[in-house]
Protein backbone atom coordinates (compact mmCIF):
# COMPACT_ATOMS: atom_id res chain seq x y z
CA UNK A 1 71.40 18.93 -1.14
CA UNK A 2 71.87 22.16 -3.12
CA UNK A 3 69.69 21.09 -6.05
CA UNK A 4 67.11 19.71 -3.66
CA UNK A 5 66.94 23.03 -1.79
CA UNK A 6 66.73 24.96 -5.04
CA UNK A 7 63.87 22.73 -6.23
CA UNK A 8 62.07 23.14 -2.90
CA UNK A 9 62.34 26.95 -3.16
CA UNK A 10 60.86 26.86 -6.65
CA UNK A 11 57.97 24.67 -5.52
CA UNK A 12 57.30 26.99 -2.57
CA UNK A 13 57.27 29.96 -4.93
CA UNK A 14 54.87 28.12 -7.23
CA UNK A 15 52.49 27.53 -4.31
CA UNK A 16 52.78 31.17 -3.29
CA UNK A 17 51.92 32.59 -6.72
CA UNK A 18 49.18 30.10 -7.67
CA UNK A 19 45.83 31.94 -7.82
CA UNK A 20 43.13 30.76 -5.37
CA UNK A 21 40.94 29.62 -8.28
CA UNK A 22 43.69 27.10 -9.16
CA UNK A 23 43.75 25.58 -5.69
CA UNK A 24 43.89 22.01 -7.04
CA UNK A 25 47.15 22.81 -8.83
CA UNK A 26 48.58 24.32 -5.66
CA UNK A 27 47.40 21.27 -3.69
CA UNK A 28 49.39 18.97 -5.98
CA UNK A 29 52.48 21.08 -5.50
CA UNK A 30 51.94 21.23 -1.72
CA UNK A 31 51.60 17.47 -1.54
CA UNK A 32 54.63 16.89 -3.76
CA UNK A 33 56.86 19.22 -1.77
CA UNK A 34 55.60 17.90 1.57
CA UNK A 35 56.19 14.29 0.52
CA UNK A 36 59.63 15.20 -0.82
CA UNK A 37 60.54 16.65 2.58
CA UNK A 38 59.19 13.58 4.39
CA UNK A 39 61.36 11.32 2.26
CA UNK A 40 64.37 13.53 3.04
CA UNK A 41 63.51 13.57 6.76
CA UNK A 42 63.63 17.39 6.65
CA UNK A 43 61.19 20.19 7.49
CA UNK A 44 58.60 17.76 8.88
CA UNK A 45 56.61 20.59 10.47
CA UNK A 46 56.35 22.43 7.16
CA UNK A 47 55.67 19.14 5.36
CA UNK A 48 52.78 18.43 7.74
CA UNK A 49 51.37 21.90 7.13
CA UNK A 50 51.54 21.56 3.34
CA UNK A 51 50.10 18.04 3.27
CA UNK A 52 47.35 19.14 5.66
CA UNK A 53 46.41 22.02 3.35
CA UNK A 54 46.46 19.75 0.31
CA UNK A 55 44.09 17.37 2.11
CA UNK A 56 41.77 20.26 3.01
CA UNK A 57 41.59 21.28 -0.67
CA UNK A 58 41.13 17.71 -1.94
CA UNK A 59 39.98 15.52 0.97
CA UNK A 60 39.38 12.44 -1.20
CA UNK A 61 42.67 12.38 -3.07
CA UNK A 62 44.30 9.00 -2.37
CA UNK A 63 47.82 10.30 -3.06
CA UNK A 64 47.38 13.17 -0.58
CA UNK A 65 45.96 10.82 2.07
CA UNK A 66 48.89 8.45 1.45
CA UNK A 67 51.27 11.36 2.11
CA UNK A 68 49.46 12.11 5.36
CA UNK A 69 49.74 8.45 6.37
CA UNK A 70 53.41 8.38 5.44
CA UNK A 71 54.02 11.47 7.55
CA UNK A 72 52.52 9.65 10.57
CA UNK A 73 54.66 6.62 9.72
CA UNK A 74 57.87 8.65 9.59
CA UNK A 75 56.97 10.21 12.95
CA UNK A 76 56.56 6.69 14.42
CA UNK A 77 52.75 6.82 14.83
CA UNK A 78 52.08 3.55 12.98
CA UNK A 79 48.42 3.19 14.05
CA UNK A 80 47.52 6.64 12.71
CA UNK A 81 49.61 5.91 9.62
CA UNK A 82 47.77 2.66 8.93
CA UNK A 83 44.36 4.30 9.37
CA UNK A 84 45.19 6.98 6.76
CA UNK A 85 46.90 4.53 4.40
CA UNK A 86 43.88 2.19 4.48
CA UNK A 87 41.62 5.17 3.83
CA UNK A 88 43.75 6.04 0.79
CA UNK A 89 43.54 2.42 -0.43
CA UNK A 90 39.74 2.41 -0.09
CA UNK A 91 39.50 5.38 -2.47
CA UNK A 92 41.20 3.43 -5.25
CA UNK A 93 38.60 1.55 -7.29
CA UNK A 94 41.01 -0.77 -9.06
CA UNK A 95 44.71 -0.95 -8.24
CA UNK A 96 47.07 0.25 -10.97
CA UNK A 97 50.89 -0.14 -11.13
CA UNK A 98 51.31 3.44 -9.84
CA UNK A 99 49.37 2.46 -6.69
CA UNK A 100 52.15 0.07 -5.61
CA UNK A 101 53.61 2.75 -3.33
CA UNK A 102 50.39 3.08 -1.31
CA UNK A 103 50.12 -0.71 -0.93
CA UNK A 104 53.83 -0.88 -0.02
CA UNK A 105 53.29 1.79 2.66
CA UNK A 106 50.38 -0.26 4.07
CA UNK A 107 52.61 -3.34 4.19
CA UNK A 108 55.33 -1.42 6.01
CA UNK A 109 52.82 -0.05 8.54
CA UNK A 110 51.48 -3.56 9.25
CA UNK A 111 55.05 -4.76 9.66
CA UNK A 112 55.83 -2.04 12.22
CA UNK A 113 52.63 -2.97 14.07
CA UNK A 114 53.73 -6.63 14.20
CA UNK A 115 51.07 -8.06 11.82
CA UNK A 116 53.38 -10.15 9.64
CA UNK A 117 50.58 -11.85 7.71
CA UNK A 118 48.98 -8.59 6.55
CA UNK A 119 52.42 -7.06 5.95
CA UNK A 120 53.38 -9.92 3.62
CA UNK A 121 49.97 -9.85 1.89
CA UNK A 122 50.32 -6.14 1.10
CA UNK A 123 53.99 -6.29 0.17
CA UNK A 124 53.24 -9.19 -2.22
CA UNK A 125 50.47 -7.13 -3.81
CA UNK A 126 52.79 -4.11 -4.12
CA UNK A 127 55.43 -6.33 -5.75
CA UNK A 128 52.83 -7.71 -8.21
CA UNK A 129 51.87 -4.14 -9.12
CA UNK A 130 55.49 -3.02 -9.57
CA UNK A 131 57.73 -6.08 -10.08
CA UNK A 132 60.70 -3.95 -11.19
CA UNK A 133 60.83 -2.08 -7.85
CA UNK A 134 63.82 -3.57 -6.03
CA UNK A 135 63.04 -1.78 -2.73
CA UNK A 136 59.60 -3.41 -2.56
CA UNK A 137 61.13 -6.81 -3.39
CA UNK A 138 63.72 -6.36 -0.63
CA UNK A 139 61.00 -5.46 1.90
CA UNK A 140 58.92 -8.46 0.84
CA UNK A 141 61.91 -10.81 1.15
CA UNK A 142 62.69 -9.34 4.58
CA UNK A 143 59.07 -9.81 5.71
CA UNK A 144 59.22 -13.42 4.49
CA UNK A 145 62.45 -13.93 6.44
CA UNK A 146 64.57 -14.54 3.34
CA UNK A 147 68.27 -13.78 3.69
CA UNK A 148 69.38 -10.55 2.05
CA UNK A 149 70.74 -11.13 -1.46
CA UNK A 150 74.27 -9.92 -2.04
CA UNK A 151 74.86 -8.34 -5.42
CA UNK A 152 76.16 -10.90 -7.92
CA UNK A 153 79.86 -10.55 -8.65
CA UNK A 154 80.75 -10.71 -12.31
CA UNK A 155 82.14 -14.09 -13.27
CA UNK A 156 85.83 -14.25 -14.01
CA UNK A 157 87.59 -16.86 -16.06
CA UNK A 158 87.21 -20.17 -14.35
CA UNK A 159 90.36 -21.85 -13.18
CA UNK A 160 90.93 -25.36 -14.49
CA UNK A 161 89.65 -28.16 -12.25
CA UNK A 162 92.10 -29.37 -9.66
CA UNK A 163 93.85 -32.59 -10.46
CA UNK A 164 93.31 -35.46 -8.09
CA UNK A 165 96.38 -37.24 -6.76
CA UNK A 166 97.58 -39.77 -9.29
CA UNK A 167 96.06 -37.92 -12.29
CA UNK A 168 98.25 -36.62 -15.09
């Protein structure tokens, strides 16, 4: 937590000293710090304030809108979360691998709202965009009702086959 807190202080200082004419830069930092706090489950009031300011500066930034939606999600307001997350998705012309997180968030919101079909559809899309992301794959498998995969144990030397009675 120490490094996290140190990083947060540096980001706050960066926001504080950024000149008004560089508001877009400050907005990126505000969004980043706010999202970081959301993921940590800390300072949600401050996170909401920073993400709100970032959205005021750049109201059509899909990443900032995603953060706002994710804040609603983490607070348990899944309907408000979904509305913001869908708004973020609409701003993206063509989905890129880095957009997997937004689509994943949409899938999770649908899942919390009990719409399994749309949850699976979005989680599949997120997995297609970022196939190496194990967390997305786990959420997709869970939404599909697949049993959780246990990590594979390394194979040890196999023991010789058992002899049947009467064999030499």
